Amino acid sequence: MKKSSRILVSLLFLLAFAVCLPGVAAAEEIGSSVTAEGTVHPDLQNGIEVNMQEGSGKESPLIKQWNCTIADNSDGTVAIYGETMAYGTVDYLDVEVFLQRWNGSSWVDVTSRAYSDSSCVYVRGSASIKAAGGYSYRCRAVHHAEKAGANSAKASVSKALLVQ
């Protein structure tokens, strides 16, 4: 699949995710830039930045794309989301998504959610979690794939989000 097609498919998944979240409007097209980690698509209206990280077969023989995001639902909760995509069907694929809060000196895990599947190419999941106002939060995810005894693991981190 061409890179532009992969990006389009990923953006469609993210758009579907944004439409399904309560209190989060569909992302407005405001441009994108390329970073060392992948393609960043900022959504300034909702205060989120989606970091589409993509590897090559040399870096990760199983995991093709991995990312996580956080969004403020403006109702005392935040939404965390993570996804993992393999190059092809794998025996096992998962993403564990962590909500982290800044305690003034380091990021501390508040809670996590795990999403997994077998004999698949793609896994994703999201959750709305209570978040106290006045703190900065971010999403961290660990992505894992297994096929015929081979294992691959990746990690991703979202930008910080101040919850009012």
Protein backbone atom coordinates (compact mmCIF):
# COMPACT_ATOMS: atom_id res chain seq x y z
CA MET A 1 0.00 0.00 0.00
CA LYS A 2 1.38 3.43 -0.87
CA LYS A 3 2.33 5.78 1.94
CA SER A 4 -0.38 8.28 0.99
CA SER A 5 -3.00 5.52 1.10
CA ARG A 6 -1.80 4.39 4.53
CA ILE A 7 -1.98 7.94 5.83
CA LEU A 8 -5.47 8.36 4.38
CA VAL A 9 -6.66 5.12 6.01
CA SER A 10 -5.17 6.22 9.36
CA LEU A 11 -6.80 9.62 9.13
CA LEU A 12 -10.16 8.00 8.38
CA PHE A 13 -9.82 5.84 11.51
CA LEU A 14 -8.97 8.90 13.58
CA LEU A 15 -11.88 10.86 12.10
CA ALA A 16 -14.25 8.03 12.97
CA PHE A 17 -12.81 8.02 16.50
CA ALA A 18 -13.25 11.79 16.89
CA VAL A 19 -16.86 11.64 15.68
CA CYS A 20 -17.69 8.90 18.19
CA LEU A 21 -16.26 10.74 21.22
CA PRO A 22 -18.79 12.80 23.18
CA GLY A 23 -17.77 16.43 23.45
CA VAL A 24 -15.09 16.22 20.76
CA ALA A 25 -15.75 17.83 17.40
CA ALA A 26 -14.36 16.52 14.14
CA ALA A 27 -10.83 17.74 13.48
CA GLU A 28 -10.48 20.87 11.42
CA GLU A 29 -7.89 20.75 8.61
CA ILE A 30 -5.06 22.99 9.75
CA GLY A 31 -2.08 21.36 8.10
CA SER A 32 0.53 18.86 9.09
CA SER A 33 4.26 18.70 9.59
CA VAL A 34 6.77 15.88 9.59
CA THR A 35 8.83 15.10 12.68
CA ALA A 36 11.41 12.47 13.51
CA GLU A 37 8.69 10.27 15.03
CA GLY A 38 6.14 10.55 12.24
CA THR A 39 3.48 12.81 10.84
CA VAL A 40 1.89 15.21 13.32
CA HIS A 41 -1.67 16.38 12.74
CA PRO A 42 -2.53 19.13 15.23
CA ASP A 43 -6.12 19.81 16.21
CA LEU A 44 -5.86 23.16 17.97
CA GLN A 45 -9.61 23.45 18.55
CA ASN A 46 -9.65 20.34 20.74
CA GLY A 47 -6.12 20.64 22.13
CA ILE A 48 -4.91 17.32 20.81
CA GLU A 49 -2.05 16.35 18.58
CA VAL A 50 -2.10 13.01 16.81
CA ASN A 51 1.35 11.54 16.30
CA MET A 52 1.18 8.93 13.55
CA GLN A 53 4.36 6.98 14.09
CA GLU A 54 5.41 4.62 11.36
CA GLY A 55 8.33 2.24 11.15
CA SER A 56 10.12 0.38 8.46
CA GLY A 57 10.68 -3.36 8.37
CA LYS A 58 14.28 -2.80 9.51
CA GLU A 59 13.21 -1.04 12.73
CA SER A 60 10.28 -3.28 13.60
CA PRO A 61 9.68 -6.46 11.64
CA LEU A 62 6.03 -6.69 12.81
CA ILE A 63 4.69 -3.27 13.86
CA LYS A 64 3.94 -0.86 11.04
CA GLN A 65 2.17 2.02 12.86
CA TRP A 66 1.64 2.91 16.51
CA ASN A 67 0.20 5.94 18.27
CA CYS A 68 -1.81 7.32 21.16
CA THR A 69 -3.81 10.49 21.78
CA ILE A 70 -5.58 12.34 24.58
CA ALA A 71 -8.53 14.75 24.38
CA ASP A 72 -10.39 16.83 26.98
CA ASN A 73 -14.10 15.97 26.87
CA SER A 74 -14.89 19.23 28.76
CA ASP A 75 -17.07 17.33 31.23
CA GLY A 76 -14.52 16.33 33.89
CA THR A 77 -13.20 13.44 31.81
CA VAL A 78 -10.45 12.92 29.27
CA ALA A 79 -10.45 10.42 26.42
CA ILE A 80 -7.38 8.28 25.85
CA TYR A 81 -6.90 6.33 22.64
CA GLY A 82 -4.25 3.97 21.28
CA GLU A 83 -3.77 1.85 18.20
CA THR A 84 -1.28 -0.63 16.79
CA MET A 85 -1.09 -1.77 13.15
CA ALA A 86 1.02 -4.67 11.91
CA TYR A 87 2.54 -5.15 8.46
CA GLY A 88 0.31 -8.20 7.99
CA THR A 89 -1.73 -10.68 10.01
CA VAL A 90 0.04 -11.54 13.27
CA ASP A 91 -0.67 -14.13 15.95
CA TYR A 92 -1.22 -11.51 18.67
CA LEU A 93 -1.43 -7.71 18.70
CA ASP A 94 -2.08 -5.31 21.57
CA VAL A 95 -1.93 -1.76 22.84
CA GLU A 96 -1.89 -0.81 26.51
CA VAL A 97 -2.91 2.83 26.97
CA PHE A 98 -1.94 4.73 30.14
CA LEU A 99 -3.35 8.00 31.45
CA GLN A 100 -0.52 9.92 33.13
CA ARG A 101 -0.63 13.03 35.34
CA TRP A 102 2.23 15.48 35.95
CA ASN A 103 2.97 15.64 39.70
CA GLY A 104 5.36 18.59 39.48
CA SER A 105 8.50 16.57 38.86
CA SER A 106 7.55 13.51 36.79
CA TRP A 107 4.75 11.77 34.90
CA VAL A 108 2.84 9.28 37.07
CA ASP A 109 0.53 6.56 35.74
CA VAL A 110 -3.06 7.14 36.88
CA THR A 111 -4.72 4.16 35.20
CA SER A 112 -4.45 2.03 32.08
CA ARG A 113 -6.59 0.11 29.62
CA ALA A 114 -5.45 -2.81 27.45
CA TYR A 115 -6.85 -3.80 24.07
CA SER A 116 -5.75 -6.94 22.24
CA ASP A 117 -6.71 -9.34 19.47
CA SER A 118 -5.33 -12.44 17.79
CA SER A 119 -4.94 -13.33 14.12
CA CYS A 120 -5.31 -9.69 13.12
CA VAL A 121 -3.61 -6.71 11.49
CA TYR A 122 -5.02 -3.87 13.61
CA VAL A 123 -6.09 -3.23 17.19
CA ARG A 124 -7.33 -0.04 18.85
CA GLY A 125 -9.21 1.12 21.90
CA SER A 126 -10.34 4.19 23.79
CA ALA A 127 -11.72 5.08 27.20
CA SER A 128 -13.13 8.13 28.96
CA ILE A 129 -11.60 8.60 32.40
CA LYS A 130 -12.31 11.12 35.20
CA ALA A 131 -9.62 13.80 35.40
CA ALA A 132 -9.26 16.43 38.13
CA GLY A 133 -9.04 20.01 36.90
CA GLY A 134 -5.85 22.03 37.25
CA TYR A 135 -3.51 19.20 36.27
CA SER A 136 -1.62 18.33 33.10
CA TYR A 137 -2.29 14.91 31.64
CA ARG A 138 -0.89 12.91 28.78
CA CYS A 139 -1.37 9.53 27.20
CA ARG A 140 1.37 6.89 26.99
CA ALA A 141 1.00 3.58 25.16
CA VAL A 142 2.95 0.35 24.81
CA HIS A 143 2.41 -1.55 21.56
CA HIS A 144 3.21 -5.25 21.15
CA ALA A 145 3.03 -7.81 18.33
CA GLU A 146 3.87 -11.51 18.10
CA LYS A 147 4.13 -13.82 15.10
CA ALA A 148 5.65 -17.30 14.93
CA GLY A 149 7.78 -16.68 18.02
CA ALA A 150 9.02 -13.24 16.91
CA ASN A 151 8.15 -10.25 19.10
CA SER A 152 8.11 -6.50 18.48
CA ALA A 153 7.38 -3.72 20.95
CA LYS A 154 7.08 0.05 20.53
CA ALA A 155 6.07 2.95 22.77
CA SER A 156 4.29 6.23 22.06
CA VAL A 157 3.50 9.36 24.08
CA SER A 158 1.01 12.15 23.36
CA LYS A 159 1.50 15.86 24.01
CA ALA A 160 0.47 17.14 27.44
CA LEU A 161 -3.03 18.52 27.97
CA LEU A 162 -4.00 20.93 30.77
CA VAL A 163 -7.44 20.05 32.13
CA GLN A 164 -9.32 23.09 33.47
